[in-house]
Amino acid sequence: MPSQPRPRSTADAAPAADDAALAFAAAGSSTEALPAAPQTTDAVGHDLAAAREERIRRVLDFEAGWSSHGGAKARAIRAEFGWSTTRYYQVLDGLLEAPAAVRHDPMLVRRLLRLREAR
């Protein structure tokens, strides 16, 4: 069953739409340089970084204590994240190289890296 992408909130889409409208208006009205981009790019970048670190924490915390969920791990993954087990392990494997993962739980990350290298 394919997962559906999360709908974008209108708050995220509004600054991009405003920037595009300003660029279109400036390009059609004169040959002047486009106005400088507003500071929303820093805020968006910060939000993306914060969301990435939150996902890293959630996945590592789940991996550290998944047995407390009881039952099969695949069911627990589906219930917690809504991902297939394949997607979960892809995400887990990708985040093991992230410095934020090592900062969050260095022993778990090292153990998982050892297990990955042993395969």
N, C-alpha and C. Protein backbone atom coordinates (compact mmCIF):
# COMPACT_ATOMS: atom_id res chain seq x y z
N MET A 1 0.85 -1.17 0.00
CA MET A 1 0.00 0.00 0.00
C MET A 1 0.89 1.23 0.00
N PRO A 2 0.85 2.06 -1.04
CA PRO A 2 1.72 3.22 -1.10
C PRO A 2 1.29 4.27 -0.08
N SER A 3 2.26 4.93 0.49
CA SER A 3 1.93 5.97 1.45
C SER A 3 1.62 7.26 0.70
N GLN A 4 0.70 8.00 1.23
CA GLN A 4 0.30 9.26 0.62
C GLN A 4 1.16 10.38 1.20
N PRO A 5 1.59 11.33 0.38
CA PRO A 5 2.37 12.45 0.92
C PRO A 5 1.51 13.31 1.82
N ARG A 6 2.14 13.87 2.81
CA ARG A 6 1.41 14.75 3.71
C ARG A 6 1.05 16.04 2.98
N PRO A 7 -0.17 16.53 3.19
CA PRO A 7 -0.55 17.78 2.53
C PRO A 7 0.27 18.93 3.11
N ARG A 8 0.65 19.84 2.23
CA ARG A 8 1.42 21.00 2.67
C ARG A 8 0.47 21.98 3.31
N SER A 9 0.93 22.58 4.38
CA SER A 9 0.09 23.58 5.03
C SER A 9 0.14 24.87 4.21
N THR A 10 -0.88 25.67 4.36
CA THR A 10 -0.94 26.92 3.61
C THR A 10 0.11 27.89 4.11
N ALA A 11 0.57 27.74 5.35
CA ALA A 11 1.61 28.62 5.88
C ALA A 11 2.92 28.41 5.14
N ASP A 12 3.22 27.15 4.77
CA ASP A 12 4.44 26.86 4.03
C ASP A 12 4.34 27.34 2.59
N ALA A 13 3.18 27.24 2.00
CA ALA A 13 3.01 27.58 0.59
C ALA A 13 2.92 29.08 0.37
N ALA A 14 2.45 29.85 1.34
CA ALA A 14 2.23 31.27 1.17
C ALA A 14 3.50 32.05 0.86
N PRO A 15 4.62 31.87 1.62
CA PRO A 15 5.81 32.65 1.28
C PRO A 15 6.35 32.32 -0.11
N ALA A 16 6.30 31.08 -0.50
CA ALA A 16 6.80 30.69 -1.83
C ALA A 16 5.92 31.32 -2.91
N ALA A 17 4.61 31.32 -2.70
CA ALA A 17 3.70 31.91 -3.67
C ALA A 17 3.91 33.42 -3.76
N ASP A 18 4.14 34.06 -2.62
CA ASP A 18 4.39 35.51 -2.62
C ASP A 18 5.70 35.81 -3.36
N ASP A 19 6.74 35.03 -3.13
CA ASP A 19 8.01 35.24 -3.81
C ASP A 19 7.85 35.08 -5.31
N ALA A 20 7.11 34.06 -5.73
CA ALA A 20 6.90 33.83 -7.15
C ALA A 20 6.10 34.98 -7.77
N ALA A 21 5.09 35.47 -7.06
CA ALA A 21 4.29 36.58 -7.58
C ALA A 21 5.13 37.84 -7.70
N LEU A 22 5.99 38.11 -6.71
CA LEU A 22 6.86 39.29 -6.78
C LEU A 22 7.84 39.17 -7.93
N ALA A 23 8.41 37.98 -8.12
CA ALA A 23 9.36 37.78 -9.21
C ALA A 23 8.68 37.96 -10.56
N PHE A 24 7.47 37.44 -10.70
CA PHE A 24 6.72 37.56 -11.96
C PHE A 24 6.39 39.02 -12.23
N ALA A 25 5.94 39.75 -11.21
CA ALA A 25 5.59 41.15 -11.39
C ALA A 25 6.81 41.98 -11.73
N ALA A 26 7.93 41.70 -11.07
CA ALA A 26 9.15 42.47 -11.32
C ALA A 26 9.69 42.19 -12.71
N ALA A 27 9.61 40.96 -13.16
CA ALA A 27 10.12 40.61 -14.48
C ALA A 27 9.29 41.24 -15.58
N GLY A 28 7.99 41.37 -15.37
CA GLY A 28 7.12 41.93 -16.40
C GLY A 28 7.12 43.44 -16.43
N SER A 29 7.43 44.09 -15.31
CA SER A 29 7.30 45.54 -15.25
C SER A 29 8.55 46.29 -15.66
N SER A 30 9.72 45.74 -15.40
CA SER A 30 10.94 46.46 -15.75
C SER A 30 12.10 45.48 -15.86
N THR A 31 13.26 46.02 -16.17
CA THR A 31 14.45 45.17 -16.28
C THR A 31 15.31 45.28 -15.04
N GLU A 32 14.76 45.85 -13.97
CA GLU A 32 15.51 45.98 -12.71
C GLU A 32 15.76 44.59 -12.13
N ALA A 33 16.74 44.52 -11.28
CA ALA A 33 17.05 43.27 -10.60
C ALA A 33 15.90 42.92 -9.66
N LEU A 34 15.72 41.64 -9.44
CA LEU A 34 14.66 41.20 -8.54
C LEU A 34 14.97 41.63 -7.12
N PRO A 35 13.95 41.90 -6.32
CA PRO A 35 14.20 42.28 -4.93
C PRO A 35 14.84 41.11 -4.18
N ALA A 36 15.57 41.46 -3.15
CA ALA A 36 16.22 40.42 -2.34
C ALA A 36 15.15 39.52 -1.72
N ALA A 37 15.48 38.25 -1.62
CA ALA A 37 14.54 37.29 -1.04
C ALA A 37 14.32 37.64 0.42
N PRO A 38 13.09 37.53 0.89
CA PRO A 38 12.82 37.81 2.29
C PRO A 38 13.50 36.78 3.18
N GLN A 39 13.52 37.04 4.45
CA GLN A 39 14.21 36.18 5.41
C GLN A 39 13.48 34.87 5.66
N THR A 40 12.41 34.59 4.93
CA THR A 40 11.67 33.35 5.16
C THR A 40 12.50 32.12 4.81
N THR A 41 13.49 32.26 3.94
CA THR A 41 14.30 31.09 3.59
C THR A 41 15.07 30.59 4.79
N ASP A 42 15.54 31.51 5.66
CA ASP A 42 16.21 31.08 6.88
C ASP A 42 15.25 30.35 7.80
N ALA A 43 14.03 30.88 7.90
CA ALA A 43 13.05 30.25 8.76
C ALA A 43 12.65 28.88 8.23
N VAL A 44 12.49 28.77 6.92
CA VAL A 44 12.14 27.49 6.32
C VAL A 44 13.28 26.50 6.52
N GLY A 45 14.51 26.96 6.31
CA GLY A 45 15.67 26.09 6.51
C GLY A 45 15.77 25.62 7.94
N HIS A 46 15.48 26.52 8.87
CA HIS A 46 15.50 26.14 10.29
C HIS A 46 14.41 25.14 10.60
N ASP A 47 13.21 25.35 10.04
CA ASP A 47 12.10 24.42 10.25
C ASP A 47 12.43 23.05 9.68
N LEU A 48 13.06 23.00 8.50
CA LEU A 48 13.44 21.72 7.91
C LEU A 48 14.48 21.01 8.76
N ALA A 49 15.45 21.76 9.26
CA ALA A 49 16.48 21.15 10.11
C ALA A 49 15.87 20.64 11.41
N ALA A 50 14.95 21.40 11.98
CA ALA A 50 14.31 20.97 13.21
C ALA A 50 13.45 19.73 12.97
N ALA A 51 12.75 19.68 11.83
CA ALA A 51 11.93 18.51 11.51
C ALA A 51 12.81 17.29 11.29
N ARG A 52 13.96 17.48 10.63
CA ARG A 52 14.87 16.36 10.41
C ARG A 52 15.41 15.83 11.74
N GLU A 53 15.80 16.73 12.63
CA GLU A 53 16.31 16.28 13.93
C GLU A 53 15.21 15.59 14.74
N GLU A 54 13.99 16.07 14.62
CA GLU A 54 12.88 15.41 15.32
C GLU A 54 12.66 14.01 14.78
N ARG A 55 12.73 13.84 13.46
CA ARG A 55 12.56 12.52 12.88
C ARG A 55 13.70 11.59 13.31
N ILE A 56 14.91 12.12 13.36
CA ILE A 56 16.04 11.32 13.83
C ILE A 56 15.80 10.85 15.25
N ARG A 57 15.37 11.75 16.11
CA ARG A 57 15.09 11.37 17.51
C ARG A 57 14.00 10.31 17.60
N ARG A 58 12.92 10.51 16.84
CA ARG A 58 11.81 9.55 16.90
C ARG A 58 12.25 8.16 16.45
N VAL A 59 12.99 8.09 15.34
CA VAL A 59 13.41 6.79 14.82
C VAL A 59 14.39 6.12 15.77
N LEU A 60 15.35 6.88 16.28
CA LEU A 60 16.33 6.28 17.20
C LEU A 60 15.68 5.85 18.51
N ASP A 61 14.78 6.66 19.02
CA ASP A 61 14.08 6.27 20.26
C ASP A 61 13.25 5.01 20.04
N PHE A 62 12.61 4.91 18.89
CA PHE A 62 11.84 3.71 18.56
C PHE A 62 12.76 2.50 18.47
N GLU A 63 13.87 2.66 17.77
CA GLU A 63 14.80 1.54 17.58
C GLU A 63 15.39 1.10 18.91
N ALA A 64 15.63 2.03 19.80
CA ALA A 64 16.21 1.70 21.11
C ALA A 64 15.22 0.93 21.98
N GLY A 65 13.94 1.20 21.85
CA GLY A 65 12.99 0.57 22.75
C GLY A 65 11.82 -0.08 22.06
N TRP A 66 12.01 -0.58 20.86
CA TRP A 66 10.88 -1.12 20.11
C TRP A 66 10.28 -2.34 20.78
N SER A 67 11.05 -3.10 21.52
CA SER A 67 10.51 -4.33 22.12
C SER A 67 9.44 -4.03 23.17
N SER A 68 9.43 -2.80 23.69
CA SER A 68 8.40 -2.45 24.67
C SER A 68 7.03 -2.33 24.03
N HIS A 69 6.97 -2.25 22.70
CA HIS A 69 5.68 -2.16 22.01
C HIS A 69 4.96 -3.50 22.00
N GLY A 70 5.68 -4.58 22.13
CA GLY A 70 5.08 -5.91 22.09
C GLY A 70 4.68 -6.28 20.68
N GLY A 71 4.62 -7.56 20.42
CA GLY A 71 4.22 -8.02 19.09
C GLY A 71 5.33 -7.90 18.08
N ALA A 72 4.99 -8.01 16.83
CA ALA A 72 5.97 -7.97 15.76
C ALA A 72 6.46 -6.54 15.54
N LYS A 73 7.72 -6.43 15.18
CA LYS A 73 8.31 -5.11 14.95
C LYS A 73 7.67 -4.44 13.74
N ALA A 74 7.33 -5.21 12.72
CA ALA A 74 6.71 -4.64 11.52
C ALA A 74 5.39 -3.95 11.87
N ARG A 75 4.60 -4.56 12.74
CA ARG A 75 3.34 -3.93 13.15
C ARG A 75 3.59 -2.67 13.94
N ALA A 76 4.62 -2.70 14.80
CA ALA A 76 4.94 -1.53 15.60
C ALA A 76 5.43 -0.38 14.71
N ILE A 77 6.21 -0.71 13.68
CA ILE A 77 6.68 0.31 12.74
C ILE A 77 5.50 0.94 12.01
N ARG A 78 4.58 0.11 11.54
CA ARG A 78 3.41 0.61 10.83
C ARG A 78 2.56 1.49 11.75
N ALA A 79 2.41 1.07 13.01
CA ALA A 79 1.59 1.84 13.94
C ALA A 79 2.25 3.17 14.33
N GLU A 80 3.56 3.15 14.51
CA GLU A 80 4.27 4.34 14.96
C GLU A 80 4.48 5.36 13.85
N PHE A 81 4.92 4.89 12.67
CA PHE A 81 5.31 5.81 11.61
C PHE A 81 4.40 5.78 10.39
N GLY A 82 3.68 4.68 10.21
CA GLY A 82 2.87 4.53 9.01
C GLY A 82 3.71 4.15 7.80
N TRP A 83 4.92 3.62 8.05
CA TRP A 83 5.83 3.24 6.98
C TRP A 83 5.87 1.73 6.86
N SER A 84 6.30 1.26 5.70
CA SER A 84 6.60 -0.16 5.56
C SER A 84 7.92 -0.42 6.26
N THR A 85 8.22 -1.68 6.53
CA THR A 85 9.49 -2.00 7.18
C THR A 85 10.67 -1.63 6.28
N THR A 86 10.49 -1.78 4.97
CA THR A 86 11.56 -1.41 4.04
C THR A 86 11.87 0.07 4.16
N ARG A 87 10.85 0.90 4.16
CA ARG A 87 11.05 2.35 4.28
C ARG A 87 11.70 2.70 5.62
N TYR A 88 11.25 2.05 6.68
CA TYR A 88 11.82 2.30 8.00
C TYR A 88 13.32 2.03 8.01
N TYR A 89 13.73 0.89 7.46
CA TYR A 89 15.14 0.55 7.47
C TYR A 89 15.94 1.44 6.52
N GLN A 90 15.33 1.93 5.45
CA GLN A 90 16.00 2.89 4.59
C GLN A 90 16.28 4.19 5.35
N VAL A 91 15.27 4.67 6.06
CA VAL A 91 15.43 5.90 6.84
C VAL A 91 16.45 5.70 7.94
N LEU A 92 16.35 4.59 8.66
CA LEU A 92 17.28 4.29 9.74
C LEU A 92 18.71 4.23 9.22
N ASP A 93 18.92 3.54 8.11
CA ASP A 93 20.25 3.42 7.54
C ASP A 93 20.79 4.79 7.11
N GLY A 94 19.95 5.62 6.55
CA GLY A 94 20.38 6.93 6.10
C GLY A 94 20.74 7.87 7.23
N LEU A 95 20.05 7.76 8.35
CA LEU A 95 20.31 8.71 9.43
C LEU A 95 21.48 8.31 10.31
N LEU A 96 22.00 7.10 10.15
CA LEU A 96 23.13 6.67 10.98
C LEU A 96 24.37 7.51 10.74
N GLU A 97 24.48 8.13 9.58
CA GLU A 97 25.64 8.95 9.24
C GLU A 97 25.47 10.40 9.70
N ALA A 98 24.29 10.76 10.16
CA ALA A 98 24.02 12.15 10.53
C ALA A 98 24.64 12.48 11.88
N PRO A 99 25.31 13.62 11.98
CA PRO A 99 25.88 14.02 13.27
C PRO A 99 24.82 14.17 14.36
N ALA A 100 23.61 14.57 13.98
CA ALA A 100 22.55 14.72 14.98
C ALA A 100 22.19 13.37 15.60
N ALA A 101 22.30 12.30 14.83
CA ALA A 101 22.01 10.96 15.35
C ALA A 101 23.05 10.56 16.38
N VAL A 102 24.30 10.84 16.09
CA VAL A 102 25.37 10.51 17.03
C VAL A 102 25.23 11.33 18.30
N ARG A 103 24.85 12.60 18.17
CA ARG A 103 24.65 13.43 19.36
C ARG A 103 23.48 12.93 20.20
N HIS A 104 22.44 12.43 19.55
CA HIS A 104 21.25 12.00 20.29
C HIS A 104 21.50 10.70 21.06
N ASP A 105 22.05 9.70 20.41
CA ASP A 105 22.27 8.41 21.08
C ASP A 105 23.52 7.74 20.48
N PRO A 106 24.70 8.14 20.95
CA PRO A 106 25.93 7.65 20.33
C PRO A 106 26.13 6.14 20.45
N MET A 107 25.75 5.55 21.56
CA MET A 107 25.96 4.10 21.71
C MET A 107 25.07 3.30 20.76
N LEU A 108 23.83 3.71 20.62
CA LEU A 108 22.93 3.02 19.70
C LEU A 108 23.41 3.15 18.27
N VAL A 109 23.83 4.34 17.88
CA VAL A 109 24.30 4.56 16.51
C VAL A 109 25.54 3.71 16.24
N ARG A 110 26.47 3.66 17.18
CA ARG A 110 27.67 2.84 16.97
C ARG A 110 27.32 1.37 16.86
N ARG A 111 26.38 0.91 17.70
CA ARG A 111 25.97 -0.50 17.64
C ARG A 111 25.33 -0.81 16.29
N LEU A 112 24.46 0.07 15.81
CA LEU A 112 23.81 -0.15 14.52
C LEU A 112 24.81 -0.10 13.37
N LEU A 113 25.80 0.79 13.48
CA LEU A 113 26.83 0.83 12.44
C LEU A 113 27.66 -0.45 12.42
N ARG A 114 27.97 -0.98 13.61
CA ARG A 114 28.70 -2.26 13.68
C ARG A 114 27.89 -3.38 13.06
N LEU A 115 26.59 -3.42 13.36
CA LEU A 115 25.73 -4.44 12.78
C LEU A 115 25.65 -4.31 11.27
N ARG A 116 25.57 -3.08 10.79
CA ARG A 116 25.49 -2.85 9.34
C ARG A 116 26.78 -3.29 8.66
N GLU A 117 27.91 -3.01 9.26
CA GLU A 117 29.19 -3.40 8.65
C GLU A 117 29.43 -4.91 8.71
N ALA A 118 28.80 -5.57 9.67
CA ALA A 118 28.96 -7.01 9.79
C ALA A 118 28.20 -7.76 8.70
N ARG A 119 27.21 -7.12 8.09
CA ARG A 119 26.43 -7.78 7.03
C ARG A 119 27.17 -7.83 5.75
